[in-house]
Amino acid sequence: MRNWIIGVVVFVGLLLANPSDREHLKALDMSVEVDSGEARGSERGLEYYNFYICSAMAKRDRETRRSSLLSIGAVKIVIPLVSKQAESEK
């Protein structure tokens, strides 16, 4: 029983520490002035994926409909996977 309680507490802690879309945008040095998450990324072709204990931000190319992963995050840490200079050129 004790192992279940510890597991539930750890899982809830990971849920609460999952980075938001705003934190992904900050890590990628993109502006986050707009309050609505849908408006923040949709016009840029950005998609936020919430996997509950971790999350990811991807950019979808409108012509080819292919996505490229920009960042991953967990435990309030976001790791950008593209250089900021390369992202600004797109």
Protein backbone atom coordinates (compact mmCIF):
# COMPACT_ATOMS: atom_id res chain seq x y z
CA MET A 1 0.00 0.00 0.00
CA ARG A 2 2.86 2.37 0.81
CA ASN A 3 4.32 1.93 -2.69
CA TRP A 4 1.00 2.95 -4.26
CA ILE A 5 0.86 6.12 -2.18
CA ILE A 6 4.43 7.02 -3.09
CA GLY A 7 3.69 6.33 -6.77
CA VAL A 8 0.57 8.51 -6.74
CA VAL A 9 2.41 11.36 -4.98
CA VAL A 10 5.29 11.21 -7.49
CA PHE A 11 2.86 11.09 -10.44
CA VAL A 12 0.89 14.10 -9.15
CA GLY A 13 4.17 15.97 -8.61
CA LEU A 14 5.19 15.28 -12.20
CA LEU A 15 1.77 16.42 -13.44
CA LEU A 16 2.09 19.72 -11.60
CA ALA A 17 5.68 20.26 -12.80
CA ASN A 18 4.87 19.78 -16.51
CA PRO A 19 5.95 22.91 -18.45
CA SER A 20 3.19 24.91 -20.12
CA ASP A 21 3.17 26.16 -23.70
CA ARG A 22 4.20 29.57 -22.41
CA GLU A 23 7.34 28.08 -20.85
CA HIS A 24 8.20 26.35 -24.13
CA LEU A 25 7.84 29.64 -26.02
CA LYS A 26 10.06 31.43 -23.47
CA ALA A 27 12.76 28.76 -23.87
CA LEU A 28 12.62 29.27 -27.64
CA ASP A 29 12.84 33.09 -27.21
CA MET A 30 9.44 33.66 -28.80
CA SER A 31 7.08 36.37 -27.59
CA VAL A 32 4.33 35.29 -25.21
CA GLU A 33 2.22 38.45 -24.97
CA VAL A 34 -1.09 36.88 -26.04
CA ASP A 35 -2.99 35.21 -23.18
CA SER A 36 -4.77 32.53 -25.21
CA GLY A 37 -2.66 29.44 -25.91
CA GLU A 38 -4.55 28.79 -29.14
CA ALA A 39 -3.73 32.27 -30.43
CA ARG A 40 -0.12 32.09 -29.21
CA GLY A 41 0.91 29.26 -31.47
CA SER A 42 -1.69 28.73 -34.17
CA GLU A 43 -0.69 31.62 -36.43
CA ARG A 44 2.96 30.51 -36.25
CA GLY A 45 2.15 26.88 -37.02
CA LEU A 46 3.21 25.80 -33.53
CA GLU A 47 1.66 22.84 -31.77
CA TYR A 48 1.88 22.11 -28.05
CA TYR A 49 1.67 18.45 -27.03
CA ASN A 50 0.82 17.71 -23.41
CA PHE A 51 1.72 14.17 -22.36
CA TYR A 52 0.79 14.92 -18.70
CA ILE A 53 4.23 14.19 -17.20
CA CYS A 54 6.18 15.76 -20.08
CA SER A 55 5.40 18.03 -23.01
CA ALA A 56 6.70 19.04 -26.43
CA MET A 57 6.45 21.95 -28.85
CA ALA A 58 6.55 21.31 -32.60
CA LYS A 59 6.28 23.45 -35.71
CA ARG A 60 4.08 22.23 -38.57
CA ASP A 61 5.00 23.22 -42.11
CA ARG A 62 1.79 24.26 -43.85
CA GLU A 63 2.82 23.08 -47.33
CA THR A 64 4.24 19.66 -46.49
CA ARG A 65 2.18 19.11 -43.30
CA ARG A 66 5.30 17.71 -41.59
CA SER A 67 6.15 18.59 -38.03
CA SER A 68 9.58 19.29 -36.61
CA LEU A 69 10.21 19.06 -32.89
CA LEU A 70 11.35 22.36 -31.36
CA SER A 71 11.51 21.61 -27.64
CA ILE A 72 10.77 19.01 -24.99
CA GLY A 73 10.13 19.57 -21.32
CA ALA A 74 9.49 17.92 -17.98
CA VAL A 75 9.81 18.88 -14.30
CA LYS A 76 9.63 22.61 -15.22
CA ILE A 77 12.72 22.26 -17.45
CA VAL A 78 12.41 22.96 -21.18
CA ILE A 79 15.18 21.89 -23.54
CA PRO A 80 15.21 23.65 -26.93
CA LEU A 81 16.17 21.24 -29.72
CA VAL A 82 16.85 23.91 -32.36
CA SER A 83 19.25 26.82 -32.22
CA LYS A 84 17.60 30.17 -31.69
CA GLN A 85 19.29 31.55 -34.80
CA ALA A 86 17.97 28.70 -36.97
CA GLU A 87 14.44 29.21 -35.65
CA SER A 88 14.51 32.95 -36.34
CA GLU A 89 15.50 32.30 -39.97
CA LYS A 90 12.37 30.17 -40.59
